[in-house]
């Protein structure tokens, strides 16, 4: 595989989270969350490298202790994208960058690889992400769930915290799928560098959704729809939910399992 098609997964990890300080180092069934995310990412068949990007020495020490690769970054970054871009810029023999959130200990390597494939298959695709069908009505109405609508070729038209598309005539039923957005992104390195250098945009600031910066600047985002969606850890109460899922055999898809 050429350098342009070589893939690296970068996991941004901050200690100073407003809602949950020290989140990457919390214990989930005997392992830190950052170790669980790293172990899932390492199962990707398409990524050559898995790197944790952090500005905190405690996180760096924990990653090295379990054998992971870590890069120290500036503590001045305002977003995970900026932290990602700093590390990506130093990876000379990598052309595709995957952003795996550091708070998804159950993320499936099958989903990661599904998101990478469009960039491997088509060099004109600059960026991709993942969505999943949403059946729960209460979840669909929540502004915490980001929704996405796509064009006929599977590229994102818009992301919103509001339910989209609006169902004008409920009696007819929905003609378009209800898709929730999962926060996993794949970029060509040049696209990532461009995004990190762009100023925040009006829609991005209105919805508080960084991916809208790409759309507002004409960068097309391929949306891969996958049935499996892994729950993240946003607040301490989520830990028990993740531990309960870990106790269920085969609930976390792994490479070679054939599960979704």
Protein backbone atom coordinates (compact mmCIF):
# COMPACT_ATOMS: atom_id res chain seq x y z
CA UNK A 1 0.00 0.00 0.00
CA UNK A 2 1.33 3.48 -0.90
CA UNK A 3 2.00 6.11 1.73
CA UNK A 4 -1.08 8.00 0.49
CA UNK A 5 -3.26 5.01 1.36
CA UNK A 6 -1.51 4.04 4.62
CA UNK A 7 -3.82 4.45 7.64
CA UNK A 8 -3.20 5.61 11.21
CA UNK A 9 -5.77 5.73 14.02
CA UNK A 10 -5.30 8.63 16.43
CA UNK A 11 -7.16 8.69 19.75
CA UNK A 12 -7.24 12.19 21.29
CA UNK A 13 -7.35 11.98 25.10
CA UNK A 14 -7.71 14.90 27.50
CA UNK A 15 -7.53 14.73 31.29
CA UNK A 16 -9.20 18.08 31.95
CA UNK A 17 -12.74 17.28 30.86
CA UNK A 18 -15.33 19.74 32.17
CA UNK A 19 -18.03 17.14 32.82
CA UNK A 20 -15.78 14.23 33.77
CA UNK A 21 -12.18 15.10 34.76
CA UNK A 22 -9.70 12.25 34.37
CA UNK A 23 -12.09 10.26 32.20
CA UNK A 24 -9.44 8.43 30.11
CA UNK A 25 -7.96 6.88 33.27
CA UNK A 26 -11.16 5.65 34.90
CA UNK A 27 -11.33 1.90 35.46
CA UNK A 28 -13.83 -0.09 33.42
CA UNK A 29 -13.94 -3.74 34.47
CA UNK A 30 -10.30 -3.68 35.50
CA UNK A 31 -8.77 -1.66 32.65
CA UNK A 32 -8.52 2.07 32.03
CA UNK A 33 -10.89 3.44 29.45
CA UNK A 34 -8.05 4.58 27.20
CA UNK A 35 -6.65 1.02 27.20
CA UNK A 36 -10.03 -0.42 26.21
CA UNK A 37 -10.39 2.08 23.35
CA UNK A 38 -6.82 1.36 22.20
CA UNK A 39 -7.37 -2.43 22.31
CA UNK A 40 -10.49 -2.14 20.15
CA UNK A 41 -8.72 0.16 17.67
CA UNK A 42 -5.76 -2.22 17.42
CA UNK A 43 -8.08 -4.86 15.98
CA UNK A 44 -8.62 -2.78 12.83
CA UNK A 45 -7.43 -4.70 9.78
CA UNK A 46 -6.83 -1.55 7.72
CA UNK A 47 -4.92 0.69 10.13
CA UNK A 48 -1.15 0.36 10.38
CA UNK A 49 -0.71 2.51 13.49
CA UNK A 50 -2.74 3.29 16.62
CA UNK A 51 -1.57 6.38 18.51
CA UNK A 52 -2.93 8.12 21.60
CA UNK A 53 -2.59 11.92 21.41
CA UNK A 54 -2.58 13.71 24.77
CA UNK A 55 -1.25 16.77 26.57
CA UNK A 56 -1.25 15.06 29.98
CA UNK A 57 1.70 13.13 31.37
CA UNK A 58 -0.52 10.87 33.49
CA UNK A 59 -2.34 9.64 30.39
CA UNK A 60 0.93 9.24 28.49
CA UNK A 61 2.42 7.16 31.31
CA UNK A 62 -0.69 4.93 31.44
CA UNK A 63 -0.58 4.32 27.68
CA UNK A 64 3.11 3.40 27.72
CA UNK A 65 2.47 1.08 30.69
CA UNK A 66 0.11 -1.12 28.62
CA UNK A 67 2.39 -1.00 25.57
CA UNK A 68 0.62 1.64 23.54
CA UNK A 69 2.15 4.37 21.38
CA UNK A 70 1.60 7.93 22.58
CA UNK A 71 2.39 11.40 21.24
CA UNK A 72 2.49 14.44 23.50
CA UNK A 73 0.71 17.48 22.04
CA UNK A 74 0.26 21.14 22.86
CA UNK A 75 -2.10 22.00 25.71
CA UNK A 76 -3.36 25.03 23.77
CA UNK A 77 -5.64 23.15 21.36
CA UNK A 78 -9.28 24.20 21.44
CA UNK A 79 -10.58 21.05 19.75
CA UNK A 80 -9.79 17.40 19.20
CA UNK A 81 -9.37 18.15 15.50
CA UNK A 82 -6.48 20.51 16.23
CA UNK A 83 -4.81 17.89 18.47
CA UNK A 84 -5.34 15.29 15.74
CA UNK A 85 -3.83 17.54 13.08
CA UNK A 86 -0.70 18.20 15.15
CA UNK A 87 0.04 14.48 15.40
CA UNK A 88 -0.98 13.75 11.81
CA UNK A 89 1.45 16.36 10.54
CA UNK A 90 4.33 14.40 12.06
CA UNK A 91 3.35 11.10 10.41
CA UNK A 92 5.34 11.31 7.18
CA UNK A 93 4.39 7.90 5.77
CA UNK A 94 0.65 8.04 6.48
CA UNK A 95 -2.00 9.47 4.16
CA UNK A 96 -5.27 8.58 5.94
CA UNK A 97 -6.09 9.56 9.52
CA UNK A 98 -8.85 8.03 11.65
CA UNK A 99 -10.18 9.96 14.64
CA UNK A 100 -11.44 7.48 17.25
CA UNK A 101 -12.99 9.14 20.28
CA UNK A 102 -11.22 8.35 23.53
CA UNK A 103 -14.46 7.70 25.41
CA UNK A 104 -15.83 4.77 23.38
CA UNK A 105 -14.45 1.63 25.05
CA UNK A 106 -16.82 -0.62 23.09
CA UNK A 107 -16.10 0.77 19.63
CA UNK A 108 -16.14 -1.98 17.02
CA UNK A 109 -13.11 -2.51 14.76
CA UNK A 110 -15.61 -3.52 12.09
CA UNK A 111 -17.12 -0.03 12.20
CA UNK A 112 -13.68 1.58 12.08
CA UNK A 113 -12.75 -0.40 8.96
CA UNK A 114 -16.13 0.29 7.34
CA UNK A 115 -15.44 4.02 7.69
CA UNK A 116 -11.92 3.69 6.24
CA UNK A 117 -12.96 1.72 3.14
CA UNK A 118 -14.48 4.61 1.12
CA UNK A 119 -11.13 6.45 1.18
CA UNK A 120 -9.24 3.30 0.19
CA UNK A 121 -11.65 2.61 -2.67
CA UNK A 122 -11.96 6.15 -4.05
CA UNK A 123 -9.12 8.67 -3.89
CA UNK A 124 -11.57 11.53 -4.51
CA UNK A 125 -13.22 10.95 -1.10
CA UNK A 126 -11.62 13.36 1.36
CA UNK A 127 -13.51 12.54 4.53
CA UNK A 128 -15.95 9.98 5.93
CA UNK A 129 -17.96 9.30 9.05
CA UNK A 130 -20.47 6.80 10.43
CA UNK A 131 -24.22 6.83 11.03
CA UNK A 132 -26.66 4.26 12.35
CA UNK A 133 -30.46 3.76 12.20
CA UNK A 134 -32.37 5.19 15.17
CA UNK A 135 -35.60 3.45 16.17
CA UNK A 136 -36.20 4.92 19.64
CA UNK A 137 -38.53 7.96 19.44
CA UNK A 138 -37.35 9.57 22.68
CA UNK A 139 -33.71 9.29 21.65
CA UNK A 140 -34.57 10.72 18.24
CA UNK A 141 -36.01 13.87 19.82
CA UNK A 142 -33.01 14.48 22.10
CA UNK A 143 -30.60 17.29 21.11
CA UNK A 144 -27.80 15.11 22.52
CA UNK A 145 -28.25 12.82 19.51
CA UNK A 146 -26.80 14.36 16.36
CA UNK A 147 -28.78 13.53 13.24
CA UNK A 148 -27.60 13.42 9.63
CA UNK A 149 -29.27 13.38 6.23
CA UNK A 150 -27.48 12.32 3.05
CA UNK A 151 -27.75 12.70 -0.70
CA UNK A 152 -28.37 9.79 -3.07
CA UNK A 153 -24.64 8.99 -3.19
CA UNK A 154 -24.34 8.78 0.59
CA UNK A 155 -22.66 12.13 1.21
CA UNK A 156 -23.84 14.28 4.11
CA UNK A 157 -26.24 17.10 3.30
CA UNK A 158 -26.51 18.35 6.88
CA UNK A 159 -25.96 17.44 10.53
CA UNK A 160 -28.28 18.77 13.23
CA UNK A 161 -29.26 18.37 16.86
CA UNK A 162 -32.85 18.80 15.69
CA UNK A 163 -34.68 15.80 14.17
CA UNK A 164 -34.13 15.86 10.40
CA UNK A 165 -35.82 15.41 8.03
CA UNK A 166 -39.01 16.96 9.39
CA UNK A 167 -41.98 14.64 8.92
CA UNK A 168 -44.57 17.03 7.45
CA UNK A 169 -47.34 14.44 7.09
CA UNK A 170 -47.10 11.75 9.79
CA UNK A 171 -49.95 9.89 8.15
CA UNK A 172 -47.76 9.06 5.17
CA UNK A 173 -44.87 7.75 7.25
CA UNK A 174 -41.18 8.59 6.83
CA UNK A 175 -39.66 8.14 3.40
CA UNK A 176 -36.10 8.88 4.54
CA UNK A 177 -34.22 6.87 7.18
CA UNK A 178 -33.69 8.28 10.66
CA UNK A 179 -29.91 8.32 11.01
CA UNK A 180 -27.97 9.12 14.16
CA UNK A 181 -24.38 10.27 13.78
CA UNK A 182 -21.50 8.47 15.47
CA UNK A 183 -18.46 10.65 16.22
CA UNK A 184 -15.88 8.72 14.22
CA UNK A 185 -14.12 10.48 11.35
CA UNK A 186 -11.66 9.46 8.66
CA UNK A 187 -9.68 12.12 6.78
CA UNK A 188 -7.10 12.36 4.09
CA UNK A 189 -4.20 14.08 5.83
CA UNK A 190 -4.40 17.14 3.57
CA UNK A 191 -8.12 17.51 4.32
CA UNK A 192 -7.49 17.34 8.06
CA UNK A 193 -4.77 20.00 7.85
CA UNK A 194 -7.10 22.23 5.84
CA UNK A 195 -9.94 21.82 8.36
CA UNK A 196 -7.69 22.60 11.31
CA UNK A 197 -6.63 25.82 9.60
CA UNK A 198 -10.18 27.07 8.96
CA UNK A 199 -12.02 29.46 11.25
CA UNK A 200 -15.25 28.34 12.97
CA UNK A 201 -18.29 28.79 10.74
CA UNK A 202 -21.79 30.18 11.43
CA UNK A 203 -23.69 26.88 11.31
CA UNK A 204 -20.97 25.15 13.32
CA UNK A 205 -21.24 27.78 16.04
CA UNK A 206 -25.05 27.72 15.99
CA UNK A 207 -25.41 23.93 16.34
CA UNK A 208 -22.12 23.43 18.24
CA UNK A 209 -21.14 20.76 15.70
CA UNK A 210 -17.59 20.94 14.38
CA UNK A 211 -18.33 18.74 11.34
CA UNK A 212 -20.46 21.51 9.88
CA UNK A 213 -17.24 23.49 9.31
CA UNK A 214 -16.35 20.93 6.62
CA UNK A 215 -19.73 21.17 4.88
CA UNK A 216 -19.78 24.97 5.03
CA UNK A 217 -16.39 25.02 3.31
CA UNK A 218 -17.40 22.61 0.53
CA UNK A 219 -15.73 19.48 1.90
CA UNK A 220 -17.92 16.47 1.18
CA UNK A 221 -18.33 13.87 3.93
CA UNK A 222 -19.12 10.28 2.95
CA UNK A 223 -21.54 8.70 5.45
CA UNK A 224 -21.20 4.96 6.08
CA UNK A 225 -24.36 3.48 7.61
CA UNK A 226 -23.66 0.65 10.05
CA UNK A 227 -26.07 -1.19 12.32
CA UNK A 228 -23.68 -1.34 15.26
CA UNK A 229 -23.37 1.74 17.46
CA UNK A 230 -21.25 1.66 20.60
CA UNK A 231 -22.29 3.69 23.65
CA UNK A 232 -19.81 6.29 24.83
CA UNK A 233 -18.94 7.35 28.38
CA UNK A 234 -20.07 10.95 28.88
CA UNK A 235 -20.78 10.97 32.63
CA UNK A 236 -19.76 8.69 35.54
CA UNK A 237 -23.15 6.96 35.45
CA UNK A 238 -22.31 5.55 32.02
CA UNK A 239 -19.54 3.34 33.42
CA UNK A 240 -21.98 0.83 34.91
CA UNK A 241 -23.81 0.57 31.57
CA UNK A 242 -20.59 -0.22 29.72
CA UNK A 243 -19.49 -2.76 32.34
CA UNK A 244 -22.86 -4.48 32.05
CA UNK A 245 -22.43 -4.77 28.28
CA UNK A 246 -18.89 -6.11 28.68
CA UNK A 247 -20.31 -8.90 30.84
CA UNK A 248 -22.52 -10.09 27.96
CA UNK A 249 -20.67 -12.50 25.62
CA UNK A 250 -20.14 -11.26 22.05
CA UNK A 251 -21.82 -7.90 22.65
CA UNK A 252 -18.71 -6.09 21.33
CA UNK A 253 -18.04 -7.06 17.70
CA UNK A 254 -14.46 -8.06 16.96
CA UNK A 255 -12.65 -8.73 13.72
CA UNK A 256 -13.44 -12.17 12.43
CA UNK A 257 -16.59 -12.60 14.54
CA UNK A 258 -18.96 -11.95 11.65
CA UNK A 259 -21.16 -9.94 14.02
CA UNK A 260 -22.60 -6.50 13.50
